[in-house]
Amino acid sequence: MSNTVLVVEDEPNIVLSLQFVMRQAGYTVRVASDGEQALKAVAEYVPDLVLLDIMLPKRDGFAVCEEIRNNPACKNVKIIMLSAKSREADRERALKLGADEFMTKPFSTRELGDLAKRLLKIEIS
């Protein structure tokens, strides 16, 4: 059974790129385009990994990350925060709220795929 990745991103081109990378790595991919959709999607089906943009409509990625971390059903969910912001304060805040990793856009799709595999403890070939 493949792992499920929830891509939470409001920029269509980035969504396409993330979907492609995650599907190529063998994951089942679901998409949410704002913070409220993301929380609804997590409530309906807990993913193994969330790729979470910070700047989102309705609820930002920080609020979504915090809510996922406060949900006991999501204790094993891995979260990679993605942001165009490269300030150290944003990185620290993301990690403090419970993100497992933080990547600054633009990022290498290969690095992201490898990071996802590491977090989900899948053999990297």
C-alpha atoms as a PDB file:
ATOM      1  CA  MET A   1       0.000   0.000   0.000  1.00  0.00           C
ATOM      2  CA  SER A   2       1.454   3.386  -0.932  1.00  0.00           C
ATOM      3  CA  ASN A   3       1.871   6.249   1.462  1.00  0.00           C
ATOM      4  CA  THR A   4      -0.487   9.190   1.114  1.00  0.00           C
ATOM      5  CA  VAL A   5       0.780  12.740   0.682  1.00  0.00           C
ATOM      6  CA  LEU A   6      -1.432  15.786   1.138  1.00  0.00           C
ATOM      7  CA  VAL A   7      -0.173  18.739  -0.907  1.00  0.00           C
ATOM      8  CA  VAL A   8      -1.417  22.021   0.583  1.00  0.00           C
ATOM      9  CA  GLU A   9      -0.578  24.771  -1.900  1.00  0.00           C
ATOM     10  CA  ASP A  10      -2.554  27.522  -3.612  1.00  0.00           C
ATOM     11  CA  GLU A  11      -0.249  28.100  -6.597  1.00  0.00           C
ATOM     12  CA  PRO A  12      -1.415  25.788  -9.451  1.00  0.00           C
ATOM     13  CA  ASN A  13       2.021  25.419 -11.089  1.00  0.00           C
ATOM     14  CA  ILE A  14       3.620  24.394  -7.794  1.00  0.00           C
ATOM     15  CA  VAL A  15       0.756  21.950  -7.140  1.00  0.00           C
ATOM     16  CA  LEU A  16       1.410  20.296 -10.524  1.00  0.00           C
ATOM     17  CA  SER A  17       5.125  20.034  -9.811  1.00  0.00           C
ATOM     18  CA  LEU A  18       4.600  18.593  -6.316  1.00  0.00           C
ATOM     19  CA  GLN A  19       1.979  16.128  -7.570  1.00  0.00           C
ATOM     20  CA  PHE A  20       4.330  14.944 -10.296  1.00  0.00           C
ATOM     21  CA  VAL A  21       7.297  14.477  -7.930  1.00  0.00           C
ATOM     22  CA  MET A  22       5.280  12.657  -5.291  1.00  0.00           C
ATOM     23  CA  ARG A  23       3.490  10.408  -7.806  1.00  0.00           C
ATOM     24  CA  GLN A  24       6.826   9.563  -9.456  1.00  0.00           C
ATOM     25  CA  ALA A  25       8.064   8.506  -5.996  1.00  0.00           C
ATOM     26  CA  GLY A  26       5.069   6.162  -5.742  1.00  0.00           C
ATOM     27  CA  TYR A  27       2.851   8.093  -3.350  1.00  0.00           C
ATOM     28  CA  THR A  28      -0.906   8.580  -3.503  1.00  0.00           C
ATOM     29  CA  VAL A  29      -1.432  12.351  -3.722  1.00  0.00           C
ATOM     30  CA  ARG A  30      -4.314  14.492  -2.498  1.00  0.00           C
ATOM     31  CA  VAL A  31      -4.486  18.283  -2.853  1.00  0.00           C
ATOM     32  CA  ALA A  32      -5.921  21.147  -0.814  1.00  0.00           C
ATOM     33  CA  SER A  33      -5.668  24.747  -2.011  1.00  0.00           C
ATOM     34  CA  ASP A  34      -6.289  26.560   1.274  1.00  0.00           C
ATOM     35  CA  GLY A  35      -5.904  26.020   5.001  1.00  0.00           C
ATOM     36  CA  GLU A  36      -9.530  25.120   5.669  1.00  0.00           C
ATOM     37  CA  GLN A  37      -9.569  22.532   2.852  1.00  0.00           C
ATOM     38  CA  ALA A  38      -6.363  21.071   4.295  1.00  0.00           C
ATOM     39  CA  LEU A  39      -7.869  20.567   7.742  1.00  0.00           C
ATOM     40  CA  LYS A  40     -11.023  19.071   6.232  1.00  0.00           C
ATOM     41  CA  ALA A  41      -8.911  16.702   4.110  1.00  0.00           C
ATOM     42  CA  VAL A  42      -6.911  15.597   7.174  1.00  0.00           C
ATOM     43  CA  ALA A  43     -10.130  15.000   9.117  1.00  0.00           C
ATOM     44  CA  GLU A  44     -11.488  12.830   6.282  1.00  0.00           C
ATOM     45  CA  TYR A  45      -8.303  10.792   5.795  1.00  0.00           C
ATOM     46  CA  VAL A  46      -5.091  11.158   7.806  1.00  0.00           C
ATOM     47  CA  PRO A  47      -2.142  11.344   5.386  1.00  0.00           C
ATOM     48  CA  ASP A  48       1.357  10.026   6.037  1.00  0.00           C
ATOM     49  CA  LEU A  49       2.970  13.275   4.896  1.00  0.00           C
ATOM     50  CA  VAL A  50       1.779  16.867   4.457  1.00  0.00           C
ATOM     51  CA  LEU A  51       3.604  19.264   2.127  1.00  0.00           C
ATOM     52  CA  LEU A  52       2.380  22.530   3.596  1.00  0.00           C
ATOM     53  CA  ASP A  53       2.828  26.010   2.157  1.00  0.00           C
ATOM     54  CA  ILE A  54       2.925  28.832   4.708  1.00  0.00           C
ATOM     55  CA  MET A  55       1.109  31.539   2.751  1.00  0.00           C
ATOM     56  CA  LEU A  56      -2.371  30.142   2.097  1.00  0.00           C
ATOM     57  CA  PRO A  57      -5.881  31.585   1.793  1.00  0.00           C
ATOM     58  CA  LYS A  58      -8.314  31.266   4.739  1.00  0.00           C
ATOM     59  CA  ARG A  59      -5.809  29.807   7.253  1.00  0.00           C
ATOM     60  CA  ASP A  60      -2.054  30.040   6.936  1.00  0.00           C
ATOM     61  CA  GLY A  61       0.271  27.076   7.080  1.00  0.00           C
ATOM     62  CA  PHE A  62       1.374  27.870  10.629  1.00  0.00           C
ATOM     63  CA  ALA A  63      -2.224  27.554  11.903  1.00  0.00           C
ATOM     64  CA  VAL A  64      -2.753  24.355   9.890  1.00  0.00           C
ATOM     65  CA  CYS A  65       0.478  22.832  11.211  1.00  0.00           C
ATOM     66  CA  GLU A  66      -0.473  23.656  14.789  1.00  0.00           C
ATOM     67  CA  GLU A  67      -3.943  22.158  14.399  1.00  0.00           C
ATOM     68  CA  ILE A  68      -2.577  18.965  12.829  1.00  0.00           C
ATOM     69  CA  ARG A  69      -0.115  18.622  15.695  1.00  0.00           C
ATOM     70  CA  ASN A  70      -2.901  19.117  18.263  1.00  0.00           C
ATOM     71  CA  ASN A  71      -4.918  16.273  16.725  1.00  0.00           C
ATOM     72  CA  PRO A  72      -4.083  12.942  18.451  1.00  0.00           C
ATOM     73  CA  ALA A  73      -5.079  11.025  15.293  1.00  0.00           C
ATOM     74  CA  CYS A  74      -2.234  12.794  13.466  1.00  0.00           C
ATOM     75  CA  LYS A  75       0.607  12.002  15.850  1.00  0.00           C
ATOM     76  CA  ASN A  76       2.532  10.066  13.159  1.00  0.00           C
ATOM     77  CA  VAL A  77       1.936  12.532  10.319  1.00  0.00           C
ATOM     78  CA  LYS A  78       5.129  14.062   8.934  1.00  0.00           C
ATOM     79  CA  ILE A  79       4.984  17.728   7.903  1.00  0.00           C
ATOM     80  CA  ILE A  80       7.302  19.541   5.508  1.00  0.00           C
ATOM     81  CA  MET A  81       6.627  23.284   5.500  1.00  0.00           C
ATOM     82  CA  LEU A  82       7.300  25.064   2.202  1.00  0.00           C
ATOM     83  CA  SER A  83       7.772  28.789   1.921  1.00  0.00           C
ATOM     84  CA  ALA A  84       8.999  31.545  -0.343  1.00  0.00           C
ATOM     85  CA  LYS A  85      10.022  33.240   2.909  1.00  0.00           C
ATOM     86  CA  SER A  86      13.579  32.404   3.845  1.00  0.00           C
ATOM     87  CA  ARG A  87      13.738  34.233   7.165  1.00  0.00           C
ATOM     88  CA  GLU A  88      15.165  32.179  10.008  1.00  0.00           C
ATOM     89  CA  ALA A  89      12.253  33.319  12.217  1.00  0.00           C
ATOM     90  CA  ASP A  90       9.773  31.583   9.866  1.00  0.00           C
ATOM     91  CA  ARG A  91      11.833  28.386   9.920  1.00  0.00           C
ATOM     92  CA  GLU A  92      12.058  28.452  13.719  1.00  0.00           C
ATOM     93  CA  ARG A  93       8.328  29.104  14.073  1.00  0.00           C
ATOM     94  CA  ALA A  94       7.461  26.234  11.720  1.00  0.00           C
ATOM     95  CA  LEU A  95       9.678  23.790  13.599  1.00  0.00           C
ATOM     96  CA  LYS A  96       8.430  25.018  16.983  1.00  0.00           C
ATOM     97  CA  LEU A  97       4.819  24.405  15.868  1.00  0.00           C
ATOM     98  CA  GLY A  98       5.713  20.834  14.977  1.00  0.00           C
ATOM     99  CA  ALA A  99       6.903  20.768  11.368  1.00  0.00           C
ATOM    100  CA  ASP A 100       9.443  18.012  10.763  1.00  0.00           C
ATOM    101  CA  GLU A 101      11.287  19.966   8.078  1.00  0.00           C
ATOM    102  CA  PHE A 102      11.271  23.375   6.381  1.00  0.00           C
ATOM    103  CA  MET A 103      12.183  23.999   2.739  1.00  0.00           C
ATOM    104  CA  THR A 104      12.526  27.367   1.050  1.00  0.00           C
ATOM    105  CA  LYS A 105      11.104  27.900  -2.451  1.00  0.00           C
ATOM    106  CA  PRO A 106      12.418  27.444  -4.999  1.00  0.00           C
ATOM    107  CA  PHE A 107      13.576  23.991  -3.976  1.00  0.00           C
ATOM    108  CA  SER A 108      15.041  21.011  -5.750  1.00  0.00           C
ATOM    109  CA  THR A 109      12.303  18.497  -6.522  1.00  0.00           C
ATOM    110  CA  ARG A 110      14.869  15.719  -6.123  1.00  0.00           C
ATOM    111  CA  GLU A 111      15.819  16.987  -2.651  1.00  0.00           C
ATOM    112  CA  LEU A 112      12.146  17.190  -1.716  1.00  0.00           C
ATOM    113  CA  GLY A 113      11.538  13.635  -2.923  1.00  0.00           C
ATOM    114  CA  ASP A 114      14.562  12.366  -0.995  1.00  0.00           C
ATOM    115  CA  LEU A 115      13.458  14.232   2.120  1.00  0.00           C
ATOM    116  CA  ALA A 116       9.960  12.735   1.875  1.00  0.00           C
ATOM    117  CA  LYS A 117      11.458   9.252   1.585  1.00  0.00           C
ATOM    118  CA  ARG A 118      13.728   9.873   4.594  1.00  0.00           C
ATOM    119  CA  LEU A 119      10.852  11.120   6.734  1.00  0.00           C
ATOM    120  CA  LEU A 120       8.706   8.151   5.739  1.00  0.00           C
ATOM    121  CA  LYS A 121      11.722   5.829   6.144  1.00  0.00           C
ATOM    122  CA  ILE A 122      11.621   4.454   2.619  1.00  0.00           C
ATOM    123  CA  GLU A 123      14.747   3.092   0.951  1.00  0.00           C
ATOM    124  CA  ILE A 124      16.264   5.712  -1.389  1.00  0.00           C
ATOM    125  CA  SER A 125      17.596   4.074  -4.542  1.00  0.00           C
END
